[in-house]
Amino acid sequence: MNHQTFSLQPFPSTKSLLNLKIAGNIARNSNQLAISYTLEGDLKEISLALAQHGGIAPPSNTPSRKHELWKDTCFEFFLGIKDSPRYWEFNLSPAGHWNVYRFDAYRQGMQEETAFTILPFNVQNQADGLALVLYVDLNKIVSAEQAIEIGITTVIKDRADEVTYWALTHQGAEADFHLRNSFIVKL
């Protein structure tokens, strides 16, 4: 098993940043991928989809595949096959919604990845934040023998509709999670 911890950094900005910490861990055991994010800080300042009872949770028992989740607070990761231009973008909303897109190369040939019909993950309230955990079977898109490279990212939208971009590393002049040289986790 290959297991790594991570801490995300905001893209440098002139905007005042919320006092947040985004960290977690990622592991690949055979071809099962586990990733967990912990968001700590003043969540009252963040735009989050809230359940009817005021907690952070899926609004229904049937979270669905939705487009453009990155326009709001969204946990993401990008998975590429080593030495191949193809990669996938996984979007996980704190509201429980999700999507997976496949790209042929840098921002080229974007298609919804139909190998996944559900992507169950868990979002839990914690004393000073929230945690999101996903277990995913990669056999649907890569073989266990293939080395993969991952970029771990998060989009945070605050109550004033300002968006900040968080990643392991920022390689471009602008926030761009698709840059392949930012897929720095090797599993």
Protein backbone atom coordinates (compact mmCIF):
# COMPACT_ATOMS: atom_id res chain seq x y z
CA MET A 1 0.00 0.00 0.00
CA ASN A 2 1.20 3.49 -0.83
CA HIS A 3 -0.06 6.10 1.68
CA GLN A 4 0.69 9.84 1.76
CA THR A 5 -0.54 12.81 3.75
CA PHE A 6 -1.11 16.21 2.17
CA SER A 7 -1.77 19.85 2.95
CA LEU A 8 -3.25 22.22 0.37
CA GLN A 9 -2.11 25.80 -0.19
CA PRO A 10 -4.24 28.65 -1.55
CA PHE A 11 -3.28 30.21 -4.87
CA PRO A 12 -1.47 33.48 -4.08
CA SER A 13 -3.99 36.30 -4.18
CA THR A 14 -4.43 39.92 -3.22
CA LYS A 15 -7.83 39.00 -1.73
CA SER A 16 -8.01 38.46 1.99
CA LEU A 17 -8.11 34.73 2.63
CA LEU A 18 -10.29 32.93 5.09
CA ASN A 19 -8.49 31.31 7.99
CA LEU A 20 -8.76 27.73 6.75
CA LYS A 21 -6.68 24.59 6.72
CA ILE A 22 -7.23 21.82 4.16
CA ALA A 23 -5.31 18.61 4.72
CA GLY A 24 -5.81 14.89 4.36
CA ASN A 25 -4.38 11.63 3.17
CA ILE A 26 -4.46 9.45 0.10
CA ALA A 27 -3.67 5.77 -0.32
CA ARG A 28 -3.70 3.17 -3.08
CA ASN A 29 -4.00 -0.46 -2.11
CA SER A 30 -3.86 -2.63 -5.22
CA ASN A 31 -6.30 -0.62 -7.34
CA GLN A 32 -8.49 0.76 -4.56
CA LEU A 33 -7.97 4.47 -3.95
CA ALA A 34 -8.87 6.09 -0.62
CA ILE A 35 -8.74 9.85 -0.21
CA SER A 36 -9.83 11.92 2.75
CA TYR A 37 -9.97 15.68 3.14
CA THR A 38 -10.28 17.63 6.38
CA LEU A 39 -11.41 21.25 6.17
CA GLU A 40 -10.80 23.18 9.39
CA GLY A 41 -11.59 26.77 10.22
CA ASP A 42 -14.54 29.11 10.37
CA LEU A 43 -17.01 27.27 8.17
CA LYS A 44 -19.65 29.94 8.76
CA GLU A 45 -17.73 32.04 6.23
CA ILE A 46 -17.83 29.35 3.55
CA SER A 47 -20.66 28.77 1.09
CA LEU A 48 -21.69 25.17 1.74
CA ALA A 49 -24.83 23.30 0.82
CA LEU A 50 -26.54 22.59 4.11
CA ALA A 51 -28.95 19.85 4.99
CA GLN A 52 -32.43 20.77 6.22
CA HIS A 53 -31.38 20.31 9.84
CA GLY A 54 -28.48 22.75 9.55
CA GLY A 55 -25.70 20.19 9.31
CA ILE A 56 -23.36 19.69 6.40
CA ALA A 57 -24.62 16.59 4.65
CA PRO A 58 -26.22 15.44 1.44
CA PRO A 59 -29.62 17.14 1.03
CA SER A 60 -31.19 13.81 0.13
CA ASN A 61 -30.45 10.12 0.30
CA THR A 62 -29.80 10.13 -3.44
CA PRO A 63 -26.83 12.36 -4.22
CA SER A 64 -26.53 12.73 -7.95
CA ARG A 65 -24.07 13.39 -10.73
CA LYS A 66 -24.03 17.13 -11.41
CA HIS A 67 -22.09 19.38 -13.74
CA GLU A 68 -20.05 22.48 -12.84
CA LEU A 69 -19.60 21.58 -9.17
CA TRP A 70 -16.33 23.58 -9.27
CA LYS A 71 -18.36 26.82 -9.35
CA ASP A 72 -19.03 26.31 -5.62
CA THR A 73 -17.11 24.77 -2.75
CA CYS A 74 -15.86 21.48 -4.14
CA PHE A 75 -13.20 18.93 -3.23
CA GLU A 76 -11.37 17.65 -6.29
CA PHE A 77 -8.54 15.51 -7.47
CA PHE A 78 -6.99 14.90 -10.87
CA LEU A 79 -5.68 11.45 -11.76
CA GLY A 80 -3.38 10.75 -14.68
CA ILE A 81 -1.59 7.67 -15.95
CA LYS A 82 2.19 8.10 -15.85
CA ASP A 83 3.62 8.88 -19.31
CA SER A 84 0.16 9.33 -20.83
CA PRO A 85 -1.61 12.64 -21.59
CA ARG A 86 -5.01 11.16 -20.53
CA TYR A 87 -6.38 12.15 -17.12
CA TRP A 88 -9.56 12.30 -15.05
CA GLU A 89 -11.08 15.04 -12.90
CA PHE A 90 -13.10 13.94 -9.84
CA ASN A 91 -15.46 16.53 -8.29
CA LEU A 92 -16.97 15.96 -4.82
CA SER A 93 -19.44 18.47 -3.40
CA PRO A 94 -19.98 18.75 0.37
CA ALA A 95 -23.69 18.42 -0.53
CA GLY A 96 -23.01 14.86 -1.70
CA HIS A 97 -23.13 15.50 -5.45
CA TRP A 98 -20.30 14.34 -7.69
CA ASN A 99 -18.93 14.00 -11.19
CA VAL A 100 -15.97 12.46 -13.02
CA TYR A 101 -14.65 13.80 -16.33
CA ARG A 102 -12.13 12.22 -18.69
CA PHE A 103 -9.69 14.30 -20.74
CA ASP A 104 -7.60 13.10 -23.70
CA ALA A 105 -4.89 15.68 -22.98
CA TYR A 106 -4.52 19.08 -21.27
CA ARG A 107 -8.09 20.48 -21.26
CA GLN A 108 -8.83 18.52 -24.47
CA GLY A 109 -11.69 16.12 -25.21
CA MET A 110 -13.56 16.60 -21.92
CA GLN A 111 -16.24 13.94 -21.50
CA GLU A 112 -18.26 12.69 -18.58
CA GLU A 113 -16.63 9.40 -17.50
CA THR A 114 -19.38 6.82 -17.92
CA ALA A 115 -17.42 4.04 -16.17
CA PHE A 116 -18.76 5.51 -12.91
CA THR A 117 -22.51 5.49 -12.35
CA ILE A 118 -22.23 6.20 -8.62
CA LEU A 119 -19.43 7.65 -6.53
CA PRO A 120 -20.39 7.20 -2.89
CA PHE A 121 -18.46 9.27 -0.38
CA ASN A 122 -19.05 10.39 3.15
CA VAL A 123 -19.16 13.95 4.52
CA GLN A 124 -19.08 14.37 8.30
CA ASN A 125 -19.35 17.37 10.59
CA GLN A 126 -16.49 17.73 13.05
CA ALA A 127 -16.06 20.07 16.00
CA ASP A 128 -14.11 22.66 13.99
CA GLY A 129 -14.70 21.64 10.40
CA LEU A 130 -15.75 18.83 8.14
CA ALA A 131 -14.27 15.65 6.73
CA LEU A 132 -14.88 14.06 3.35
CA VAL A 133 -13.84 10.46 2.62
CA LEU A 134 -14.01 8.63 -0.70
CA TYR A 135 -13.13 5.04 -1.59
CA VAL A 136 -13.05 4.36 -5.32
CA ASP A 137 -12.28 1.28 -7.41
CA LEU A 138 -9.84 2.40 -10.11
CA ASN A 139 -10.21 -0.85 -12.08
CA LYS A 140 -12.92 0.95 -14.06
CA ILE A 141 -10.37 3.32 -15.60
CA VAL A 142 -6.79 2.06 -15.02
CA SER A 143 -5.10 -1.26 -14.35
CA ALA A 144 -3.44 -2.02 -11.01
CA GLU A 145 -0.06 -2.22 -12.77
CA GLN A 146 -0.24 1.33 -14.11
CA ALA A 147 1.54 4.03 -12.13
CA ILE A 148 -0.70 7.03 -11.50
CA GLU A 149 -0.03 10.69 -10.75
CA ILE A 150 -2.49 12.76 -8.76
CA GLY A 151 -3.13 16.45 -8.19
CA ILE A 152 -5.22 17.16 -5.09
CA THR A 153 -7.25 20.37 -5.10
CA THR A 154 -10.18 22.20 -3.54
CA VAL A 155 -12.31 25.15 -4.58
CA ILE A 156 -13.61 27.27 -1.69
CA LYS A 157 -16.41 29.77 -2.26
CA ASP A 158 -17.08 32.18 0.59
CA ARG A 159 -20.36 33.83 1.60
CA ALA A 160 -19.46 36.89 -0.50
CA ASP A 161 -19.16 34.63 -3.58
CA GLU A 162 -15.37 35.06 -3.70
CA VAL A 163 -13.61 31.89 -4.87
CA THR A 164 -10.19 30.68 -3.76
CA TYR A 165 -8.27 27.79 -5.29
CA TRP A 166 -6.30 25.35 -3.11
CA ALA A 167 -3.81 22.75 -4.33
CA LEU A 168 -0.71 20.80 -3.40
CA THR A 169 1.26 23.11 -5.67
CA HIS A 170 0.47 25.96 -8.06
CA GLN A 171 2.60 25.75 -11.22
CA GLY A 172 0.97 28.40 -13.40
CA ALA A 173 0.67 32.17 -13.45
CA GLU A 174 -3.06 31.63 -12.81
CA ALA A 175 -4.78 28.95 -10.76
CA ASP A 176 -4.97 25.94 -13.10
CA PHE A 177 -5.58 22.51 -11.60
CA HIS A 178 -5.21 20.82 -15.03
CA LEU A 179 -1.47 21.49 -15.37
CA ARG A 180 0.10 18.06 -15.44
CA ASN A 181 3.24 19.14 -13.57
CA SER A 182 0.99 19.76 -10.55
CA PHE A 183 0.03 16.04 -10.37
CA ILE A 184 2.78 15.48 -7.82
CA VAL A 185 1.45 12.53 -5.80
CA LYS A 186 2.84 9.31 -7.30
CA LEU A 187 0.95 6.08 -6.50
